[in-house]
Amino acid sequence: MLWPSYTFMDTLEMRIKRGEIPMYRFNDTVQRVWNLKERFGLLKKERVLIREFTSEDRIEGDKTAKEI
């Protein structure tokens, strides 16, 4: 889940406080997400978030869409 709702976050917090989800499990999950972001360069300040689609990008996108 990349952008959870506030309701989801509230529910998650309550489940952690009630002990339904151990804090160590939550911390492990957060660490794995951070590691993936770091691996793919998503934490670099100089990373370009938005760029113009090239014709090659469009061709690749169309190909992927057809495969899906």
N, C-alpha and C. Protein backbone atom coordinates (compact mmCIF):
# COMPACT_ATOMS: atom_id res chain seq x y z
N MET A 1 0.85 -1.17 0.00
CA MET A 1 0.00 0.00 0.00
C MET A 1 0.90 1.24 0.00
N LEU A 2 0.79 1.99 -1.05
CA LEU A 2 1.67 3.14 -1.18
C LEU A 2 1.12 4.39 -0.51
N TRP A 3 -0.18 4.61 -0.62
CA TRP A 3 -0.80 5.79 -0.04
C TRP A 3 -2.04 5.39 0.75
N PRO A 4 -1.84 4.85 1.97
CA PRO A 4 -3.01 4.42 2.74
C PRO A 4 -3.84 5.60 3.22
N SER A 5 -5.10 5.35 3.44
CA SER A 5 -6.00 6.39 3.94
C SER A 5 -5.74 6.63 5.42
N TYR A 6 -6.25 7.75 5.93
CA TYR A 6 -6.13 8.04 7.36
C TYR A 6 -6.87 6.99 8.17
N THR A 7 -7.99 6.51 7.66
CA THR A 7 -8.75 5.48 8.35
C THR A 7 -7.91 4.22 8.51
N PHE A 8 -7.23 3.83 7.45
CA PHE A 8 -6.37 2.66 7.52
C PHE A 8 -5.27 2.87 8.56
N MET A 9 -4.64 4.04 8.54
CA MET A 9 -3.55 4.31 9.48
C MET A 9 -4.07 4.29 10.92
N ASP A 10 -5.25 4.84 11.15
CA ASP A 10 -5.85 4.81 12.50
C ASP A 10 -6.11 3.38 12.94
N THR A 11 -6.64 2.57 12.03
CA THR A 11 -6.90 1.16 12.34
C THR A 11 -5.62 0.42 12.65
N LEU A 12 -4.59 0.66 11.86
CA LEU A 12 -3.29 0.03 12.07
C LEU A 12 -2.74 0.42 13.44
N GLU A 13 -2.82 1.69 13.78
CA GLU A 13 -2.32 2.16 15.07
C GLU A 13 -3.05 1.47 16.22
N MET A 14 -4.37 1.36 16.13
CA MET A 14 -5.15 0.72 17.19
C MET A 14 -4.80 -0.77 17.31
N ARG A 15 -4.60 -1.44 16.19
CA ARG A 15 -4.26 -2.86 16.24
C ARG A 15 -2.88 -3.07 16.86
N ILE A 16 -1.96 -2.15 16.61
CA ILE A 16 -0.63 -2.23 17.24
C ILE A 16 -0.78 -2.00 18.74
N LYS A 17 -1.54 -0.99 19.13
CA LYS A 17 -1.72 -0.68 20.55
C LYS A 17 -2.41 -1.83 21.30
N ARG A 18 -3.32 -2.53 20.64
CA ARG A 18 -4.01 -3.67 21.27
C ARG A 18 -3.15 -4.93 21.27
N GLY A 19 -2.02 -4.90 20.58
CA GLY A 19 -1.14 -6.05 20.55
C GLY A 19 -1.48 -7.05 19.46
N GLU A 20 -2.42 -6.72 18.60
CA GLU A 20 -2.79 -7.63 17.50
C GLU A 20 -1.67 -7.72 16.47
N ILE A 21 -0.95 -6.63 16.31
CA ILE A 21 0.21 -6.60 15.41
C ILE A 21 1.41 -6.22 16.27
N PRO A 22 2.40 -7.11 16.39
CA PRO A 22 3.57 -6.80 17.21
C PRO A 22 4.37 -5.64 16.59
N MET A 23 4.88 -4.78 17.45
CA MET A 23 5.64 -3.62 16.98
C MET A 23 6.87 -4.06 16.18
N TYR A 24 7.49 -5.18 16.56
CA TYR A 24 8.65 -5.64 15.81
C TYR A 24 8.27 -5.98 14.36
N ARG A 25 7.06 -6.48 14.16
CA ARG A 25 6.60 -6.82 12.80
C ARG A 25 6.41 -5.56 11.98
N PHE A 26 5.84 -4.55 12.61
CA PHE A 26 5.64 -3.26 11.93
C PHE A 26 7.01 -2.65 11.56
N ASN A 27 7.93 -2.65 12.51
CA ASN A 27 9.26 -2.10 12.26
C ASN A 27 9.97 -2.84 11.14
N ASP A 28 9.84 -4.17 11.11
CA ASP A 28 10.44 -4.97 10.05
C ASP A 28 9.89 -4.57 8.69
N THR A 29 8.58 -4.39 8.63
CA THR A 29 7.94 -4.02 7.37
C THR A 29 8.41 -2.65 6.90
N VAL A 30 8.46 -1.70 7.81
CA VAL A 30 8.93 -0.34 7.46
C VAL A 30 10.36 -0.41 6.95
N GLN A 31 11.21 -1.19 7.61
CA GLN A 31 12.61 -1.31 7.18
C GLN A 31 12.71 -1.90 5.78
N ARG A 32 11.89 -2.91 5.48
CA ARG A 32 11.92 -3.50 4.14
C ARG A 32 11.49 -2.49 3.07
N VAL A 33 10.49 -1.67 3.38
CA VAL A 33 10.05 -0.64 2.43
C VAL A 33 11.17 0.37 2.20
N TRP A 34 11.81 0.83 3.29
CA TRP A 34 12.91 1.78 3.14
C TRP A 34 14.05 1.18 2.33
N ASN A 35 14.35 -0.10 2.57
CA ASN A 35 15.43 -0.76 1.81
C ASN A 35 15.12 -0.81 0.32
N LEU A 36 13.86 -1.10 -0.02
CA LEU A 36 13.47 -1.11 -1.43
C LEU A 36 13.56 0.28 -2.05
N LYS A 37 13.10 1.28 -1.31
CA LYS A 37 13.19 2.66 -1.82
C LYS A 37 14.64 3.04 -2.06
N GLU A 38 15.50 2.67 -1.13
CA GLU A 38 16.92 2.97 -1.29
C GLU A 38 17.51 2.22 -2.47
N ARG A 39 17.16 0.95 -2.60
CA ARG A 39 17.67 0.11 -3.70
C ARG A 39 17.32 0.70 -5.07
N PHE A 40 16.13 1.24 -5.21
CA PHE A 40 15.70 1.78 -6.49
C PHE A 40 15.94 3.29 -6.62
N GLY A 41 16.68 3.86 -5.68
CA GLY A 41 17.05 5.26 -5.77
C GLY A 41 15.93 6.24 -5.49
N LEU A 42 14.89 5.79 -4.80
CA LEU A 42 13.75 6.66 -4.55
C LEU A 42 14.00 7.67 -3.44
N LEU A 43 15.09 7.51 -2.70
CA LEU A 43 15.39 8.42 -1.60
C LEU A 43 16.41 9.50 -1.98
N LYS A 44 16.91 9.43 -3.21
CA LYS A 44 17.91 10.42 -3.66
C LYS A 44 17.24 11.76 -3.91
N LYS A 45 17.81 12.82 -3.36
CA LYS A 45 17.22 14.15 -3.52
C LYS A 45 17.25 14.64 -4.96
N GLU A 46 18.23 14.22 -5.72
CA GLU A 46 18.36 14.68 -7.11
C GLU A 46 17.51 13.87 -8.09
N ARG A 47 16.78 12.90 -7.58
CA ARG A 47 15.95 12.05 -8.44
C ARG A 47 14.85 12.87 -9.12
N VAL A 48 14.69 12.66 -10.40
CA VAL A 48 13.65 13.34 -11.17
C VAL A 48 12.36 12.54 -11.02
N LEU A 49 11.34 13.16 -10.45
CA LEU A 49 10.09 12.45 -10.21
C LEU A 49 9.16 12.45 -11.42
N ILE A 50 9.20 13.52 -12.17
CA ILE A 50 8.31 13.64 -13.33
C ILE A 50 9.17 13.98 -14.55
N ARG A 51 8.97 13.22 -15.59
CA ARG A 51 9.69 13.51 -16.84
C ARG A 51 8.74 13.27 -18.00
N GLU A 52 9.08 13.84 -19.11
CA GLU A 52 8.24 13.71 -20.30
C GLU A 52 8.36 12.30 -20.88
N PHE A 53 7.24 11.76 -21.33
CA PHE A 53 7.22 10.45 -21.98
C PHE A 53 7.88 10.57 -23.34
N THR A 54 8.81 9.67 -23.63
CA THR A 54 9.41 9.62 -24.96
C THR A 54 8.57 8.67 -25.82
N SER A 55 8.84 8.68 -27.11
CA SER A 55 8.13 7.75 -27.98
C SER A 55 8.47 6.30 -27.62
N GLU A 56 9.71 6.07 -27.16
CA GLU A 56 10.10 4.73 -26.74
C GLU A 56 9.32 4.32 -25.48
N ASP A 57 9.11 5.27 -24.57
CA ASP A 57 8.33 5.00 -23.36
C ASP A 57 6.90 4.60 -23.73
N ARG A 58 6.33 5.32 -24.67
CA ARG A 58 4.95 5.04 -25.08
C ARG A 58 4.84 3.65 -25.71
N ILE A 59 5.81 3.30 -26.56
CA ILE A 59 5.82 1.98 -27.19
C ILE A 59 5.93 0.90 -26.12
N GLU A 60 6.83 1.08 -25.18
CA GLU A 60 7.01 0.10 -24.10
C GLU A 60 5.75 0.01 -23.23
N GLY A 61 5.12 1.14 -22.96
CA GLY A 61 3.88 1.16 -22.18
C GLY A 61 2.76 0.43 -22.89
N ASP A 62 2.63 0.67 -24.19
CA ASP A 62 1.60 -0.03 -24.98
C ASP A 62 1.85 -1.53 -24.99
N LYS A 63 3.10 -1.92 -25.15
CA LYS A 63 3.46 -3.34 -25.16
C LYS A 63 3.11 -3.98 -23.81
N THR A 64 3.46 -3.33 -22.73
CA THR A 64 3.17 -3.86 -21.40
C THR A 64 1.68 -3.96 -21.17
N ALA A 65 0.93 -2.94 -21.59
CA ALA A 65 -0.52 -2.95 -21.43
C ALA A 65 -1.15 -4.12 -22.16
N LYS A 66 -0.67 -4.40 -23.36
CA LYS A 66 -1.21 -5.53 -24.14
C LYS A 66 -0.89 -6.86 -23.46
N GLU A 67 0.30 -6.96 -22.88
CA GLU A 67 0.68 -8.19 -22.19
C GLU A 67 -0.17 -8.42 -20.94
N ILE A 68 -0.50 -7.36 -20.28
CA ILE A 68 -1.32 -7.45 -19.06
C ILE A 68 -2.72 -7.86 -19.44
